Amino acid sequence: MSKKFQRTKEDFTCEKCNTKVTGTGYTNHCPHCLWSKHVDINPGDRNNNCQGALQPTAIETKGEETIITHTCTKCGTIKKNKAAENDNFEEIIAISQNNSHG
């Protein structure tokens, strides 16, 4: 049985906004624009061939945690990830306001 989480510490340049991101091993999205990339099957494994852009589409809070819902623009997969302390709070607010209409 394989581990469900693999800590993969790597730096990357965001393909959406070109921000240079220093990874911590838990970094799974750009802290500036909150977009991500569909690279994992299980967190950190980098085994997904999709490689589509993961758009932040919704924000929810559970207790003290803020959860970002990402939707893949290529295959439609929906993934939920915790927001990080250094995430752009204005962007979190903008996304939460966008998904509260309707």
N, C-alpha and C. Protein backbone atom coordinates (compact mmCIF):
# COMPACT_ATOMS: atom_id res chain seq x y z
N MET A 1 0.85 -1.20 0.00
CA MET A 1 0.00 0.00 0.00
C MET A 1 0.88 1.25 0.00
N SER A 2 0.63 2.14 -0.93
CA SER A 2 1.45 3.35 -1.03
C SER A 2 0.89 4.45 -0.14
N LYS A 3 1.79 5.35 0.23
CA LYS A 3 1.37 6.50 1.03
C LYS A 3 0.47 7.40 0.19
N LYS A 4 -0.53 7.99 0.84
CA LYS A 4 -1.44 8.90 0.14
C LYS A 4 -0.84 10.29 -0.01
N PHE A 5 0.14 10.63 0.83
CA PHE A 5 0.75 11.95 0.73
C PHE A 5 2.26 11.79 0.65
N GLN A 6 2.85 12.45 -0.31
CA GLN A 6 4.30 12.50 -0.43
C GLN A 6 4.72 13.95 -0.41
N ARG A 7 5.59 14.31 0.52
CA ARG A 7 6.07 15.68 0.58
C ARG A 7 7.08 15.90 -0.53
N THR A 8 6.75 16.76 -1.46
CA THR A 8 7.61 17.06 -2.59
C THR A 8 7.93 18.55 -2.55
N LYS A 9 9.14 18.88 -2.11
CA LYS A 9 9.55 20.27 -1.96
C LYS A 9 10.16 20.75 -3.27
N GLU A 10 9.47 21.65 -3.96
CA GLU A 10 9.99 22.16 -5.22
C GLU A 10 9.50 23.57 -5.46
N ASP A 11 10.34 24.35 -6.10
CA ASP A 11 9.99 25.71 -6.48
C ASP A 11 9.39 25.67 -7.88
N PHE A 12 8.54 26.64 -8.20
CA PHE A 12 7.94 26.68 -9.53
C PHE A 12 7.57 28.10 -9.89
N THR A 13 7.36 28.32 -11.17
CA THR A 13 6.84 29.60 -11.66
C THR A 13 5.39 29.35 -12.05
N CYS A 14 4.49 30.14 -11.49
CA CYS A 14 3.07 29.98 -11.78
C CYS A 14 2.80 30.17 -13.27
N GLU A 15 2.11 29.21 -13.86
CA GLU A 15 1.80 29.31 -15.29
C GLU A 15 0.69 30.31 -15.57
N LYS A 16 -0.03 30.74 -14.54
CA LYS A 16 -1.13 31.70 -14.72
C LYS A 16 -0.64 33.15 -14.61
N CYS A 17 0.14 33.44 -13.55
CA CYS A 17 0.52 34.84 -13.31
C CYS A 17 2.03 35.08 -13.31
N ASN A 18 2.82 34.03 -13.55
CA ASN A 18 4.28 34.09 -13.61
C ASN A 18 4.98 34.44 -12.29
N THR A 19 4.28 34.32 -11.17
CA THR A 19 4.91 34.52 -9.87
C THR A 19 5.89 33.39 -9.61
N LYS A 20 7.09 33.72 -9.11
CA LYS A 20 8.06 32.70 -8.73
C LYS A 20 7.72 32.26 -7.30
N VAL A 21 7.43 30.96 -7.15
CA VAL A 21 6.95 30.42 -5.88
C VAL A 21 8.01 29.50 -5.28
N THR A 22 8.34 29.73 -4.00
CA THR A 22 9.25 28.84 -3.28
C THR A 22 8.40 27.81 -2.56
N GLY A 23 8.58 26.55 -2.91
CA GLY A 23 7.77 25.49 -2.33
C GLY A 23 8.25 25.08 -0.95
N THR A 24 7.32 24.62 -0.12
CA THR A 24 7.65 24.17 1.23
C THR A 24 7.53 22.65 1.37
N GLY A 25 7.05 22.00 0.34
CA GLY A 25 6.73 20.58 0.44
C GLY A 25 5.25 20.38 0.64
N TYR A 26 4.57 21.45 1.02
CA TYR A 26 3.11 21.42 1.16
C TYR A 26 2.46 22.39 0.20
N THR A 27 3.27 23.16 -0.54
CA THR A 27 2.77 24.17 -1.47
C THR A 27 2.10 23.47 -2.65
N ASN A 28 0.82 23.78 -2.90
CA ASN A 28 0.16 23.14 -4.04
C ASN A 28 -0.55 24.14 -4.94
N HIS A 29 -0.35 25.42 -4.68
CA HIS A 29 -0.93 26.44 -5.54
C HIS A 29 -0.14 27.73 -5.38
N CYS A 30 -0.33 28.63 -6.33
CA CYS A 30 0.35 29.92 -6.30
C CYS A 30 -0.27 30.78 -5.19
N PRO A 31 0.55 31.33 -4.30
CA PRO A 31 -0.02 32.16 -3.23
C PRO A 31 -0.53 33.51 -3.72
N HIS A 32 -0.14 33.91 -4.93
CA HIS A 32 -0.57 35.21 -5.47
C HIS A 32 -1.95 35.12 -6.12
N CYS A 33 -2.10 34.22 -7.10
CA CYS A 33 -3.37 34.13 -7.85
C CYS A 33 -4.22 32.93 -7.43
N LEU A 34 -3.65 32.02 -6.64
CA LEU A 34 -4.30 30.82 -6.09
C LEU A 34 -4.55 29.71 -7.12
N TRP A 35 -4.08 29.89 -8.36
CA TRP A 35 -4.22 28.83 -9.36
C TRP A 35 -3.21 27.73 -9.05
N SER A 36 -3.49 26.53 -9.56
CA SER A 36 -2.63 25.39 -9.35
C SER A 36 -2.49 24.64 -10.67
N LYS A 37 -1.85 23.48 -10.63
CA LYS A 37 -1.68 22.67 -11.83
C LYS A 37 -2.01 21.22 -11.47
N HIS A 38 -2.73 20.55 -12.35
CA HIS A 38 -3.20 19.19 -12.09
C HIS A 38 -2.06 18.20 -12.36
N VAL A 39 -1.20 18.02 -11.36
CA VAL A 39 -0.03 17.17 -11.51
C VAL A 39 -0.06 15.92 -10.64
N ASP A 40 -0.93 15.88 -9.64
CA ASP A 40 -0.95 14.76 -8.69
C ASP A 40 -2.19 13.88 -8.82
N ILE A 41 -2.00 12.58 -8.59
CA ILE A 41 -3.13 11.69 -8.35
C ILE A 41 -3.39 11.70 -6.85
N ASN A 42 -2.35 11.41 -6.06
CA ASN A 42 -2.37 11.59 -4.61
C ASN A 42 -1.40 12.72 -4.30
N PRO A 43 -1.67 13.53 -3.28
CA PRO A 43 -0.85 14.72 -3.02
C PRO A 43 0.65 14.44 -3.01
N GLY A 44 1.37 15.16 -3.86
CA GLY A 44 2.82 15.09 -3.90
C GLY A 44 3.41 14.04 -4.82
N ASP A 45 2.57 13.19 -5.43
CA ASP A 45 3.15 12.09 -6.22
C ASP A 45 3.56 12.48 -7.63
N ARG A 46 3.04 13.58 -8.16
CA ARG A 46 3.36 14.08 -9.51
C ARG A 46 3.11 13.02 -10.60
N ASN A 47 2.10 12.16 -10.39
CA ASN A 47 1.81 11.06 -11.31
C ASN A 47 0.64 11.31 -12.25
N ASN A 48 0.08 12.52 -12.26
CA ASN A 48 -1.07 12.77 -13.11
C ASN A 48 -0.62 13.33 -14.46
N ASN A 49 -1.05 12.71 -15.53
CA ASN A 49 -0.67 13.14 -16.87
C ASN A 49 -1.52 14.29 -17.40
N CYS A 50 -2.58 14.68 -16.69
CA CYS A 50 -3.49 15.73 -17.16
C CYS A 50 -2.75 17.03 -17.42
N GLN A 51 -2.06 17.53 -16.40
CA GLN A 51 -1.27 18.77 -16.47
C GLN A 51 -2.12 20.01 -16.75
N GLY A 52 -3.44 19.92 -16.57
CA GLY A 52 -4.33 21.05 -16.80
C GLY A 52 -4.20 22.10 -15.71
N ALA A 53 -4.70 23.30 -15.99
CA ALA A 53 -4.71 24.38 -15.01
C ALA A 53 -5.86 24.14 -14.03
N LEU A 54 -5.57 24.29 -12.74
CA LEU A 54 -6.58 24.15 -11.70
C LEU A 54 -7.01 25.55 -11.27
N GLN A 55 -8.22 25.93 -11.67
CA GLN A 55 -8.75 27.26 -11.37
C GLN A 55 -9.39 27.27 -9.99
N PRO A 56 -9.06 28.28 -9.16
CA PRO A 56 -9.73 28.40 -7.86
C PRO A 56 -11.18 28.85 -8.11
N THR A 57 -12.14 28.00 -7.75
CA THR A 57 -13.53 28.29 -8.09
C THR A 57 -14.43 28.53 -6.88
N ALA A 58 -13.98 28.17 -5.70
CA ALA A 58 -14.82 28.38 -4.51
C ALA A 58 -13.93 28.42 -3.27
N ILE A 59 -14.45 29.07 -2.25
CA ILE A 59 -13.78 29.17 -0.95
C ILE A 59 -14.78 28.76 0.12
N GLU A 60 -14.33 27.95 1.07
CA GLU A 60 -15.18 27.63 2.21
C GLU A 60 -14.33 27.64 3.47
N THR A 61 -14.96 27.80 4.59
CA THR A 61 -14.23 27.76 5.84
C THR A 61 -14.78 26.61 6.68
N LYS A 62 -13.86 25.94 7.34
CA LYS A 62 -14.20 24.86 8.28
C LYS A 62 -13.43 25.16 9.55
N GLY A 63 -14.14 25.68 10.54
CA GLY A 63 -13.46 26.10 11.76
C GLY A 63 -12.49 27.22 11.45
N GLU A 64 -11.22 27.01 11.77
CA GLU A 64 -10.18 28.02 11.52
C GLU A 64 -9.55 27.88 10.14
N GLU A 65 -9.89 26.81 9.41
CA GLU A 65 -9.26 26.57 8.11
C GLU A 65 -10.06 27.17 6.95
N THR A 66 -9.33 27.69 5.98
CA THR A 66 -9.92 28.15 4.73
C THR A 66 -9.58 27.12 3.67
N ILE A 67 -10.59 26.65 2.96
CA ILE A 67 -10.42 25.61 1.94
C ILE A 67 -10.69 26.22 0.57
N ILE A 68 -9.74 25.99 -0.36
CA ILE A 68 -9.89 26.46 -1.74
C ILE A 68 -10.32 25.27 -2.59
N THR A 69 -11.41 25.43 -3.33
CA THR A 69 -11.82 24.41 -4.29
C THR A 69 -11.24 24.78 -5.64
N HIS A 70 -10.50 23.85 -6.23
CA HIS A 70 -9.92 24.03 -7.56
C HIS A 70 -10.65 23.13 -8.54
N THR A 71 -10.95 23.65 -9.72
CA THR A 71 -11.56 22.87 -10.80
C THR A 71 -10.61 22.86 -11.99
N CYS A 72 -10.30 21.66 -12.48
CA CYS A 72 -9.38 21.54 -13.61
C CYS A 72 -10.05 22.04 -14.88
N THR A 73 -9.38 22.95 -15.56
CA THR A 73 -9.93 23.53 -16.79
C THR A 73 -9.81 22.56 -17.97
N LYS A 74 -9.05 21.47 -17.79
CA LYS A 74 -8.85 20.49 -18.86
C LYS A 74 -9.76 19.27 -18.71
N CYS A 75 -9.79 18.66 -17.51
CA CYS A 75 -10.54 17.41 -17.34
C CYS A 75 -11.75 17.54 -16.42
N GLY A 76 -11.89 18.68 -15.72
CA GLY A 76 -13.05 18.91 -14.87
C GLY A 76 -12.95 18.37 -13.45
N THR A 77 -11.83 17.73 -13.11
CA THR A 77 -11.64 17.21 -11.75
C THR A 77 -11.73 18.35 -10.74
N ILE A 78 -12.36 18.07 -9.61
CA ILE A 78 -12.48 19.05 -8.53
C ILE A 78 -11.62 18.56 -7.36
N LYS A 79 -10.76 19.46 -6.85
CA LYS A 79 -9.89 19.15 -5.72
C LYS A 79 -10.03 20.26 -4.69
N LYS A 80 -9.93 19.88 -3.42
CA LYS A 80 -9.98 20.86 -2.33
C LYS A 80 -8.65 20.87 -1.62
N ASN A 81 -8.14 22.07 -1.34
CA ASN A 81 -6.86 22.24 -0.68
C ASN A 81 -6.96 23.34 0.36
N LYS A 82 -6.21 23.18 1.43
CA LYS A 82 -6.17 24.22 2.46
C LYS A 82 -5.43 25.44 1.94
N ALA A 83 -5.94 26.60 2.30
CA ALA A 83 -5.23 27.84 2.01
C ALA A 83 -3.99 27.90 2.91
N ALA A 84 -2.95 28.55 2.42
CA ALA A 84 -1.73 28.72 3.20
C ALA A 84 -1.71 30.11 3.83
N GLU A 85 -0.90 30.26 4.87
CA GLU A 85 -0.81 31.54 5.58
C GLU A 85 -0.39 32.68 4.68
N ASN A 86 0.43 32.40 3.66
CA ASN A 86 0.94 33.46 2.81
C ASN A 86 0.08 33.68 1.56
N ASP A 87 -1.10 33.05 1.49
CA ASP A 87 -1.97 33.24 0.33
C ASP A 87 -2.53 34.66 0.29
N ASN A 88 -2.78 35.14 -0.92
CA ASN A 88 -3.31 36.47 -1.18
C ASN A 88 -4.75 36.56 -0.64
N PHE A 89 -4.91 37.24 0.49
CA PHE A 89 -6.21 37.30 1.15
C PHE A 89 -7.25 38.02 0.29
N GLU A 90 -6.82 39.04 -0.45
CA GLU A 90 -7.76 39.76 -1.33
C GLU A 90 -8.32 38.82 -2.40
N GLU A 91 -7.47 37.93 -2.91
CA GLU A 91 -7.91 36.97 -3.93
C GLU A 91 -8.89 35.96 -3.33
N ILE A 92 -8.62 35.53 -2.10
CA ILE A 92 -9.54 34.62 -1.40
C ILE A 92 -10.91 35.28 -1.26
N ILE A 93 -10.93 36.54 -0.86
CA ILE A 93 -12.19 37.27 -0.70
C ILE A 93 -12.90 37.40 -2.05
N ALA A 94 -12.16 37.74 -3.10
CA ALA A 94 -12.76 37.90 -4.43
C ALA A 94 -13.40 36.60 -4.91
N ILE A 95 -12.71 35.49 -4.72
CA ILE A 95 -13.26 34.18 -5.14
C ILE A 95 -14.48 33.84 -4.30
N SER A 96 -14.43 34.09 -3.00
CA SER A 96 -15.58 33.77 -2.16
C SER A 96 -16.79 34.62 -2.51
N GLN A 97 -16.55 35.87 -2.93
CA GLN A 97 -17.67 36.72 -3.36
C GLN A 97 -18.23 36.26 -4.70
N ASN A 98 -17.35 35.78 -5.59
CA ASN A 98 -17.81 35.29 -6.89
C ASN A 98 -18.69 34.05 -6.77
N ASN A 99 -18.34 33.14 -5.81
CA ASN A 99 -19.14 31.92 -5.70
C ASN A 99 -20.30 32.08 -4.72
N SER A 100 -20.52 33.28 -4.18
CA SER A 100 -21.67 33.46 -3.29
C SER A 100 -22.87 34.03 -4.02
N HIS A 101 -22.71 34.40 -5.29
CA HIS A 101 -23.82 34.93 -6.08
C HIS A 101 -24.62 33.77 -6.68
N GLY A 102 -25.95 33.91 -6.68
CA GLY A 102 -26.75 32.91 -7.36
C GLY A 102 -27.64 32.17 -6.55
